[in-house]
Amino acid sequence: MSPARDWAEWARTFESVHGPDEFAALFAPDGVFCDPVTPWTTNVRKVATDTDSIFPDWSQRVDRIRGGEDWAVFEWTGTGTVMTGDGPGIPVTLQGATVIDVNAEGKVTSWRDYLDTNEPMQQIQAGLEAAGKDELGGSHGDGKGNGKGTGNGKGA
């Protein structure tokens, strides 16, 4: 049996990843990824590109990691800013857990994220409401029933 994998070191490497190329470099050539909004795919570079387009400043911290020789489970906290067109960005914090399998070289062969997709949507909606908008790029009325959106004529 080979020595145990240093998952704490793996976590620090993951946390330092910036951009689609570095994320894809964590994976074996046939590695697969899945999360609540992404069906199983080998196009892990696109997963990172899509994340960067939603959260240009996305970062993740591994809060806890446990694993064996060829697998690990980690809890994480991710933070990023959703841009609202011409308005201010909305800070979002997500928490989740990930299960990975790795090959002998430590490259990911399978990655599955578990997270509550309602959590970011609630934060985005609260941010939009605070900014007086009802959707990305949209705004509420003027408080007199004028304007676009689903407001109740009272600015909400």
N, C-alpha and C. Protein backbone atom coordinates (compact mmCIF):
# COMPACT_ATOMS: atom_id res chain seq x y z
N MET A 1 0.85 -1.18 0.00
CA MET A 1 0.00 0.00 0.00
C MET A 1 0.89 1.24 0.00
N SER A 2 0.57 2.18 -0.82
CA SER A 2 1.37 3.40 -0.91
C SER A 2 1.03 4.34 0.25
N PRO A 3 1.92 5.30 0.52
CA PRO A 3 1.64 6.23 1.62
C PRO A 3 0.38 7.05 1.34
N ALA A 4 -0.23 7.50 2.41
CA ALA A 4 -1.47 8.28 2.28
C ALA A 4 -1.21 9.57 1.51
N ARG A 5 -2.18 9.95 0.72
CA ARG A 5 -2.10 11.20 -0.04
C ARG A 5 -2.22 12.38 0.92
N ASP A 6 -1.49 13.45 0.62
CA ASP A 6 -1.54 14.66 1.44
C ASP A 6 -2.68 15.54 0.95
N TRP A 7 -3.87 15.31 1.51
CA TRP A 7 -5.06 16.04 1.05
C TRP A 7 -5.04 17.49 1.47
N ALA A 8 -4.39 17.82 2.58
CA ALA A 8 -4.28 19.23 2.98
C ALA A 8 -3.47 20.00 1.93
N GLU A 9 -2.42 19.40 1.42
CA GLU A 9 -1.62 20.04 0.37
C GLU A 9 -2.45 20.15 -0.93
N TRP A 10 -3.20 19.11 -1.25
CA TRP A 10 -4.07 19.16 -2.43
C TRP A 10 -5.06 20.32 -2.30
N ALA A 11 -5.63 20.51 -1.10
CA ALA A 11 -6.59 21.59 -0.86
C ALA A 11 -5.93 22.95 -1.11
N ARG A 12 -4.69 23.14 -0.62
CA ARG A 12 -4.00 24.42 -0.84
C ARG A 12 -3.75 24.65 -2.33
N THR A 13 -3.43 23.59 -3.06
CA THR A 13 -3.25 23.72 -4.51
C THR A 13 -4.55 24.13 -5.17
N PHE A 14 -5.64 23.47 -4.81
CA PHE A 14 -6.94 23.80 -5.36
C PHE A 14 -7.31 25.25 -5.08
N GLU A 15 -7.09 25.70 -3.86
CA GLU A 15 -7.44 27.07 -3.48
C GLU A 15 -6.65 28.12 -4.27
N SER A 16 -5.50 27.74 -4.78
CA SER A 16 -4.66 28.69 -5.52
C SER A 16 -4.96 28.70 -7.02
N VAL A 17 -5.90 27.87 -7.46
CA VAL A 17 -6.25 27.79 -8.88
C VAL A 17 -6.94 29.08 -9.33
N HIS A 18 -6.47 29.61 -10.46
CA HIS A 18 -7.09 30.79 -11.07
C HIS A 18 -7.28 30.52 -12.55
N GLY A 19 -8.51 30.54 -12.99
CA GLY A 19 -8.81 30.41 -14.40
C GLY A 19 -9.04 29.00 -14.87
N PRO A 20 -9.63 28.90 -16.05
CA PRO A 20 -10.02 27.60 -16.62
C PRO A 20 -8.85 26.65 -16.86
N ASP A 21 -7.72 27.16 -17.32
CA ASP A 21 -6.59 26.26 -17.61
C ASP A 21 -6.06 25.60 -16.35
N GLU A 22 -5.93 26.36 -15.28
CA GLU A 22 -5.43 25.80 -14.02
C GLU A 22 -6.44 24.82 -13.42
N PHE A 23 -7.74 25.13 -13.54
CA PHE A 23 -8.75 24.19 -13.05
C PHE A 23 -8.68 22.89 -13.85
N ALA A 24 -8.62 23.00 -15.16
CA ALA A 24 -8.55 21.80 -16.01
C ALA A 24 -7.31 20.99 -15.73
N ALA A 25 -6.22 21.64 -15.31
CA ALA A 25 -4.97 20.92 -15.02
C ALA A 25 -5.09 20.01 -13.81
N LEU A 26 -6.10 20.21 -12.98
CA LEU A 26 -6.33 19.31 -11.84
C LEU A 26 -6.86 17.95 -12.28
N PHE A 27 -7.39 17.88 -13.51
CA PHE A 27 -8.11 16.70 -13.98
C PHE A 27 -7.26 15.81 -14.89
N ALA A 28 -7.55 14.53 -14.84
CA ALA A 28 -7.02 13.57 -15.82
C ALA A 28 -7.69 13.88 -17.16
N PRO A 29 -7.09 13.48 -18.28
CA PRO A 29 -7.69 13.79 -19.60
C PRO A 29 -9.14 13.34 -19.75
N ASP A 30 -9.52 12.25 -19.11
CA ASP A 30 -10.90 11.76 -19.22
C ASP A 30 -11.70 12.04 -17.95
N GLY A 31 -11.22 12.97 -17.11
CA GLY A 31 -11.90 13.29 -15.87
C GLY A 31 -13.26 13.91 -16.13
N VAL A 32 -14.21 13.64 -15.24
CA VAL A 32 -15.57 14.14 -15.40
C VAL A 32 -15.96 15.02 -14.21
N PHE A 33 -16.91 15.92 -14.48
CA PHE A 33 -17.40 16.88 -13.49
C PHE A 33 -18.92 16.91 -13.54
N CYS A 34 -19.54 17.14 -12.36
CA CYS A 34 -20.99 17.27 -12.27
C CYS A 34 -21.32 18.14 -11.07
N ASP A 35 -22.33 18.99 -11.20
CA ASP A 35 -22.88 19.73 -10.07
C ASP A 35 -24.38 19.86 -10.28
N PRO A 36 -25.11 20.52 -9.38
CA PRO A 36 -26.57 20.57 -9.52
C PRO A 36 -27.07 21.22 -10.81
N VAL A 37 -26.27 22.03 -11.47
CA VAL A 37 -26.73 22.67 -12.71
C VAL A 37 -25.96 22.20 -13.93
N THR A 38 -24.94 21.37 -13.73
CA THR A 38 -24.11 20.88 -14.84
C THR A 38 -24.18 19.36 -14.89
N PRO A 39 -24.72 18.78 -15.96
CA PRO A 39 -24.71 17.32 -16.07
C PRO A 39 -23.27 16.84 -16.25
N TRP A 40 -23.04 15.56 -16.05
CA TRP A 40 -21.69 15.00 -16.19
C TRP A 40 -21.06 15.46 -17.50
N THR A 41 -19.83 15.96 -17.39
CA THR A 41 -19.11 16.45 -18.57
C THR A 41 -17.61 16.23 -18.40
N THR A 42 -16.94 16.05 -19.52
CA THR A 42 -15.47 16.03 -19.53
C THR A 42 -14.92 17.41 -19.87
N ASN A 43 -15.79 18.36 -20.22
CA ASN A 43 -15.35 19.69 -20.60
C ASN A 43 -15.21 20.56 -19.35
N VAL A 44 -14.22 20.22 -18.51
CA VAL A 44 -14.05 20.92 -17.24
C VAL A 44 -13.55 22.35 -17.44
N ARG A 45 -12.89 22.61 -18.54
CA ARG A 45 -12.46 23.98 -18.84
C ARG A 45 -13.69 24.88 -19.02
N LYS A 46 -14.73 24.37 -19.69
CA LYS A 46 -15.96 25.15 -19.87
C LYS A 46 -16.65 25.40 -18.54
N VAL A 47 -16.61 24.43 -17.64
CA VAL A 47 -17.19 24.61 -16.31
C VAL A 47 -16.55 25.82 -15.64
N ALA A 48 -15.22 25.89 -15.69
CA ALA A 48 -14.52 27.02 -15.06
C ALA A 48 -14.79 28.32 -15.80
N THR A 49 -14.86 28.27 -17.13
CA THR A 49 -15.16 29.47 -17.91
C THR A 49 -16.55 30.00 -17.57
N ASP A 50 -17.52 29.10 -17.46
CA ASP A 50 -18.88 29.50 -17.10
C ASP A 50 -18.92 30.12 -15.70
N THR A 51 -18.21 29.51 -14.76
CA THR A 51 -18.16 30.05 -13.40
C THR A 51 -17.56 31.45 -13.41
N ASP A 52 -16.44 31.62 -14.14
CA ASP A 52 -15.79 32.93 -14.22
C ASP A 52 -16.69 33.98 -14.87
N SER A 53 -17.55 33.57 -15.81
CA SER A 53 -18.43 34.55 -16.46
C SER A 53 -19.53 35.01 -15.51
N ILE A 54 -19.93 34.16 -14.57
CA ILE A 54 -20.96 34.53 -13.59
C ILE A 54 -20.33 35.29 -12.42
N PHE A 55 -19.20 34.78 -11.94
CA PHE A 55 -18.49 35.35 -10.79
C PHE A 55 -17.05 35.67 -11.22
N PRO A 56 -16.78 36.85 -11.77
CA PRO A 56 -15.43 37.16 -12.26
C PRO A 56 -14.34 37.07 -11.19
N ASP A 57 -14.73 37.23 -9.93
CA ASP A 57 -13.76 37.21 -8.83
C ASP A 57 -13.92 35.97 -7.94
N TRP A 58 -14.43 34.89 -8.48
CA TRP A 58 -14.72 33.67 -7.72
C TRP A 58 -13.48 33.13 -7.04
N SER A 59 -13.65 32.73 -5.77
CA SER A 59 -12.59 32.01 -5.06
C SER A 59 -13.26 31.01 -4.13
N GLN A 60 -12.53 29.93 -3.84
CA GLN A 60 -13.04 28.89 -2.96
C GLN A 60 -12.01 28.59 -1.90
N ARG A 61 -12.51 28.35 -0.70
CA ARG A 61 -11.68 27.94 0.42
C ARG A 61 -12.13 26.54 0.83
N VAL A 62 -11.19 25.64 1.02
CA VAL A 62 -11.52 24.31 1.52
C VAL A 62 -11.55 24.41 3.05
N ASP A 63 -12.72 24.17 3.62
CA ASP A 63 -12.89 24.29 5.06
C ASP A 63 -12.49 23.02 5.80
N ARG A 64 -12.70 21.89 5.15
CA ARG A 64 -12.35 20.61 5.76
C ARG A 64 -12.23 19.58 4.65
N ILE A 65 -11.22 18.72 4.74
CA ILE A 65 -11.03 17.68 3.72
C ILE A 65 -10.62 16.38 4.40
N ARG A 66 -11.16 15.30 3.90
CA ARG A 66 -10.83 13.95 4.38
C ARG A 66 -10.76 13.07 3.15
N GLY A 67 -9.87 12.07 3.18
CA GLY A 67 -9.79 11.21 2.03
C GLY A 67 -8.96 9.97 2.26
N GLY A 68 -8.95 9.14 1.24
CA GLY A 68 -8.14 7.94 1.22
C GLY A 68 -7.11 8.06 0.12
N GLU A 69 -6.61 6.95 -0.33
CA GLU A 69 -5.56 6.94 -1.34
C GLU A 69 -6.04 7.52 -2.68
N ASP A 70 -7.28 7.20 -3.07
CA ASP A 70 -7.75 7.64 -4.38
C ASP A 70 -9.08 8.37 -4.36
N TRP A 71 -9.44 8.95 -3.21
CA TRP A 71 -10.69 9.69 -3.10
C TRP A 71 -10.58 10.72 -1.98
N ALA A 72 -11.44 11.73 -2.06
CA ALA A 72 -11.55 12.72 -0.98
C ALA A 72 -12.93 13.34 -0.99
N VAL A 73 -13.31 13.85 0.16
CA VAL A 73 -14.54 14.61 0.33
C VAL A 73 -14.12 15.90 1.02
N PHE A 74 -14.57 17.04 0.47
CA PHE A 74 -14.24 18.28 1.14
C PHE A 74 -15.43 19.23 1.19
N GLU A 75 -15.49 19.96 2.31
CA GLU A 75 -16.47 21.03 2.46
C GLU A 75 -15.77 22.32 2.07
N TRP A 76 -16.52 23.21 1.44
CA TRP A 76 -15.91 24.44 0.95
C TRP A 76 -16.84 25.62 1.10
N THR A 77 -16.23 26.79 1.07
CA THR A 77 -16.96 28.06 1.03
C THR A 77 -16.44 28.81 -0.19
N GLY A 78 -17.35 29.22 -1.06
CA GLY A 78 -16.99 29.99 -2.24
C GLY A 78 -17.56 31.39 -2.14
N THR A 79 -16.80 32.36 -2.64
CA THR A 79 -17.27 33.74 -2.65
C THR A 79 -17.03 34.35 -4.02
N GLY A 80 -17.92 35.23 -4.40
CA GLY A 80 -17.78 35.92 -5.67
C GLY A 80 -18.79 37.04 -5.77
N THR A 81 -18.68 37.81 -6.83
CA THR A 81 -19.57 38.94 -7.06
C THR A 81 -20.31 38.72 -8.37
N VAL A 82 -21.64 38.80 -8.31
CA VAL A 82 -22.47 38.73 -9.50
C VAL A 82 -22.67 40.16 -9.98
N MET A 83 -22.34 40.43 -11.23
CA MET A 83 -22.51 41.77 -11.77
C MET A 83 -23.96 41.96 -12.22
N THR A 84 -24.48 43.17 -12.05
CA THR A 84 -25.88 43.46 -12.34
C THR A 84 -26.02 44.46 -13.47
N GLY A 85 -25.33 44.23 -14.56
CA GLY A 85 -25.39 45.18 -15.66
C GLY A 85 -24.66 46.45 -15.28
N ASP A 86 -25.38 47.58 -15.27
CA ASP A 86 -24.75 48.85 -14.94
C ASP A 86 -24.76 49.14 -13.44
N GLY A 87 -25.36 48.27 -12.65
CA GLY A 87 -25.44 48.48 -11.21
C GLY A 87 -24.25 47.88 -10.48
N PRO A 88 -24.31 48.00 -9.16
CA PRO A 88 -23.22 47.44 -8.36
C PRO A 88 -23.27 45.92 -8.37
N GLY A 89 -22.14 45.31 -8.12
CA GLY A 89 -22.10 43.86 -8.01
C GLY A 89 -22.75 43.41 -6.71
N ILE A 90 -23.20 42.17 -6.72
CA ILE A 90 -23.84 41.59 -5.54
C ILE A 90 -22.92 40.50 -5.00
N PRO A 91 -22.42 40.67 -3.77
CA PRO A 91 -21.57 39.63 -3.20
C PRO A 91 -22.39 38.39 -2.87
N VAL A 92 -21.83 37.24 -3.18
CA VAL A 92 -22.50 35.96 -2.94
C VAL A 92 -21.52 35.02 -2.23
N THR A 93 -22.04 34.30 -1.25
CA THR A 93 -21.27 33.28 -0.56
C THR A 93 -22.02 31.96 -0.68
N LEU A 94 -21.32 30.93 -1.09
CA LEU A 94 -21.90 29.60 -1.24
C LEU A 94 -21.14 28.63 -0.36
N GLN A 95 -21.83 27.64 0.15
CA GLN A 95 -21.18 26.56 0.86
C GLN A 95 -21.61 25.25 0.22
N GLY A 96 -20.69 24.32 0.16
CA GLY A 96 -21.01 23.04 -0.45
C GLY A 96 -20.04 21.96 -0.03
N ALA A 97 -20.21 20.83 -0.64
CA ALA A 97 -19.32 19.69 -0.42
C ALA A 97 -19.03 19.05 -1.77
N THR A 98 -17.85 18.51 -1.90
CA THR A 98 -17.41 17.90 -3.15
C THR A 98 -16.83 16.53 -2.86
N VAL A 99 -17.13 15.58 -3.74
CA VAL A 99 -16.56 14.25 -3.69
C VAL A 99 -15.71 14.07 -4.93
N ILE A 100 -14.44 13.72 -4.75
CA ILE A 100 -13.57 13.49 -5.90
C ILE A 100 -12.92 12.11 -5.82
N ASP A 101 -12.63 11.58 -7.01
CA ASP A 101 -11.78 10.40 -7.16
C ASP A 101 -10.57 10.87 -7.94
N VAL A 102 -9.41 10.31 -7.61
CA VAL A 102 -8.18 10.67 -8.32
C VAL A 102 -7.46 9.41 -8.78
N ASN A 103 -6.63 9.58 -9.82
CA ASN A 103 -5.83 8.45 -10.31
C ASN A 103 -4.51 8.39 -9.54
N ALA A 104 -3.63 7.49 -9.92
CA ALA A 104 -2.36 7.30 -9.22
C ALA A 104 -1.50 8.56 -9.21
N GLU A 105 -1.66 9.42 -10.23
CA GLU A 105 -0.89 10.67 -10.31
C GLU A 105 -1.56 11.81 -9.53
N GLY A 106 -2.72 11.55 -8.93
CA GLY A 106 -3.41 12.58 -8.17
C GLY A 106 -4.31 13.46 -9.02
N LYS A 107 -4.49 13.12 -10.28
CA LYS A 107 -5.37 13.89 -11.17
C LYS A 107 -6.81 13.42 -10.97
N VAL A 108 -7.73 14.37 -10.98
CA VAL A 108 -9.14 14.07 -10.73
C VAL A 108 -9.73 13.28 -11.90
N THR A 109 -10.35 12.17 -11.56
CA THR A 109 -11.07 11.38 -12.57
C THR A 109 -12.58 11.58 -12.45
N SER A 110 -13.04 11.99 -11.27
CA SER A 110 -14.46 12.26 -11.06
C SER A 110 -14.59 13.33 -9.99
N TRP A 111 -15.45 14.33 -10.27
CA TRP A 111 -15.69 15.45 -9.34
C TRP A 111 -17.18 15.69 -9.31
N ARG A 112 -17.76 15.64 -8.12
CA ARG A 112 -19.20 15.92 -7.99
C ARG A 112 -19.41 16.91 -6.85
N ASP A 113 -20.00 18.06 -7.20
CA ASP A 113 -20.32 19.10 -6.23
C ASP A 113 -21.74 18.93 -5.72
N TYR A 114 -21.91 19.18 -4.44
CA TYR A 114 -23.22 19.22 -3.81
C TYR A 114 -23.37 20.59 -3.16
N LEU A 115 -24.42 21.32 -3.54
CA LEU A 115 -24.68 22.63 -2.97
C LEU A 115 -26.14 22.98 -3.12
N ASP A 116 -26.58 23.93 -2.31
CA ASP A 116 -27.95 24.41 -2.36
C ASP A 116 -28.01 25.54 -3.38
N THR A 117 -28.63 25.31 -4.52
CA THR A 117 -28.70 26.34 -5.57
C THR A 117 -29.63 27.48 -5.18
N ASN A 118 -30.49 27.29 -4.19
CA ASN A 118 -31.35 28.38 -3.72
C ASN A 118 -30.55 29.43 -2.95
N GLU A 119 -29.47 29.00 -2.29
CA GLU A 119 -28.68 29.92 -1.48
C GLU A 119 -28.18 31.13 -2.27
N PRO A 120 -27.53 30.94 -3.41
CA PRO A 120 -27.08 32.12 -4.16
C PRO A 120 -28.25 32.92 -4.74
N MET A 121 -29.30 32.24 -5.16
CA MET A 121 -30.44 32.95 -5.74
C MET A 121 -31.08 33.88 -4.70
N GLN A 122 -31.17 33.43 -3.46
CA GLN A 122 -31.74 34.28 -2.41
C GLN A 122 -30.85 35.50 -2.16
N GLN A 123 -29.53 35.30 -2.19
CA GLN A 123 -28.61 36.41 -1.98
C GLN A 123 -28.67 37.40 -3.14
N ILE A 124 -28.77 36.88 -4.35
CA ILE A 124 -28.86 37.75 -5.53
C ILE A 124 -30.16 38.54 -5.49
N GLN A 125 -31.27 37.86 -5.19
CA GLN A 125 -32.57 38.55 -5.12
C GLN A 125 -32.54 39.65 -4.06
N ALA A 126 -31.97 39.37 -2.89
CA ALA A 126 -31.88 40.38 -1.83
C ALA A 126 -31.03 41.56 -2.29
N GLY A 127 -29.94 41.27 -2.99
CA GLY A 127 -29.09 42.34 -3.51
C GLY A 127 -29.79 43.19 -4.55
N LEU A 128 -30.55 42.53 -5.42
CA LEU A 128 -31.31 43.28 -6.43
C LEU A 128 -32.37 44.16 -5.78
N GLU A 129 -33.06 43.62 -4.79
CA GLU A 129 -34.09 44.40 -4.11
C GLU A 129 -33.46 45.60 -3.40
N ALA A 130 -32.31 45.39 -2.77
CA ALA A 130 -31.62 46.50 -2.09
C ALA A 130 -31.19 47.58 -3.08
N ALA A 131 -30.89 47.17 -4.32
CA ALA A 131 -30.47 48.12 -5.35
C ALA A 131 -31.67 48.70 -6.12
N GLY A 132 -32.90 48.26 -5.74
CA GLY A 132 -34.09 48.77 -6.42
C GLY A 132 -34.32 48.14 -7.77
N LYS A 133 -33.82 46.92 -7.96
CA LYS A 133 -34.01 46.22 -9.22
C LYS A 133 -34.80 44.94 -8.96
N ASP A 134 -35.50 44.49 -9.99
CA ASP A 134 -36.24 43.25 -9.83
C ASP A 134 -35.65 42.11 -10.64
N GLU A 135 -34.66 42.39 -11.45
CA GLU A 135 -33.98 41.37 -12.23
C GLU A 135 -32.64 41.95 -12.65
N LEU A 136 -31.72 41.12 -13.08
CA LEU A 136 -30.44 41.62 -13.53
C LEU A 136 -30.64 42.61 -14.66
N GLY A 137 -30.22 43.84 -14.44
CA GLY A 137 -30.36 44.87 -15.45
C GLY A 137 -31.70 45.59 -15.43
N GLY A 138 -32.69 45.11 -14.66
CA GLY A 138 -34.00 45.75 -14.61
C GLY A 138 -34.13 46.60 -13.37
N SER A 139 -35.16 47.43 -13.32
CA SER A 139 -35.39 48.23 -12.13
C SER A 139 -36.87 48.25 -11.79
N HIS A 140 -37.10 48.58 -10.53
CA HIS A 140 -38.48 48.72 -10.07
C HIS A 140 -39.05 50.03 -10.59
N GLY A 141 -40.30 50.20 -10.35
CA GLY A 141 -40.96 51.46 -10.71
C GLY A 141 -40.46 52.61 -9.85
N ASP A 142 -41.07 53.75 -10.04
CA ASP A 142 -40.66 54.96 -9.32
C ASP A 142 -41.45 55.14 -8.01
N GLY A 143 -42.16 54.10 -7.61
CA GLY A 143 -42.94 54.19 -6.40
C GLY A 143 -44.35 54.72 -6.65
N LYS A 144 -44.64 55.06 -7.90
CA LYS A 144 -45.96 55.59 -8.26
C LYS A 144 -46.64 54.70 -9.29
N GLY A 145 -46.14 53.47 -9.40
CA GLY A 145 -46.74 52.56 -10.37
C GLY A 145 -46.16 52.71 -11.76
N ASN A 146 -45.12 53.51 -11.92
CA ASN A 146 -44.47 53.70 -13.22
C ASN A 146 -43.15 52.93 -13.24
N GLY A 147 -42.85 52.35 -14.35
CA GLY A 147 -41.58 51.64 -14.48
C GLY A 147 -41.82 50.20 -14.80
N LYS A 148 -40.72 49.50 -15.06
CA LYS A 148 -40.86 48.10 -15.46
C LYS A 148 -40.75 47.19 -14.27
N GLY A 149 -41.17 45.98 -14.44
CA GLY A 149 -40.99 44.98 -13.40
C GLY A 149 -42.31 44.55 -12.81
N THR A 150 -42.19 43.77 -11.77
CA THR A 150 -43.36 43.20 -11.14
C THR A 150 -43.64 43.91 -9.82
N GLY A 151 -43.19 45.13 -9.70
CA GLY A 151 -43.40 45.88 -8.47
C GLY A 151 -44.87 46.06 -8.17
N ASN A 152 -45.14 46.40 -6.92
CA ASN A 152 -46.52 46.57 -6.50
C ASN A 152 -46.95 48.04 -6.54
N GLY A 153 -46.18 48.87 -7.23
CA GLY A 153 -46.51 50.27 -7.30
C GLY A 153 -45.98 51.06 -6.12
N LYS A 154 -45.26 50.37 -5.21
CA LYS A 154 -44.72 51.02 -4.04
C LYS A 154 -43.21 50.87 -4.02
N GLY A 155 -42.63 50.62 -5.19
CA GLY A 155 -41.19 50.44 -5.26
C GLY A 155 -40.73 49.08 -4.84
N ALA A 156 -41.62 48.14 -4.72
CA ALA A 156 -41.23 46.79 -4.32
C ALA A 156 -41.85 45.78 -5.23
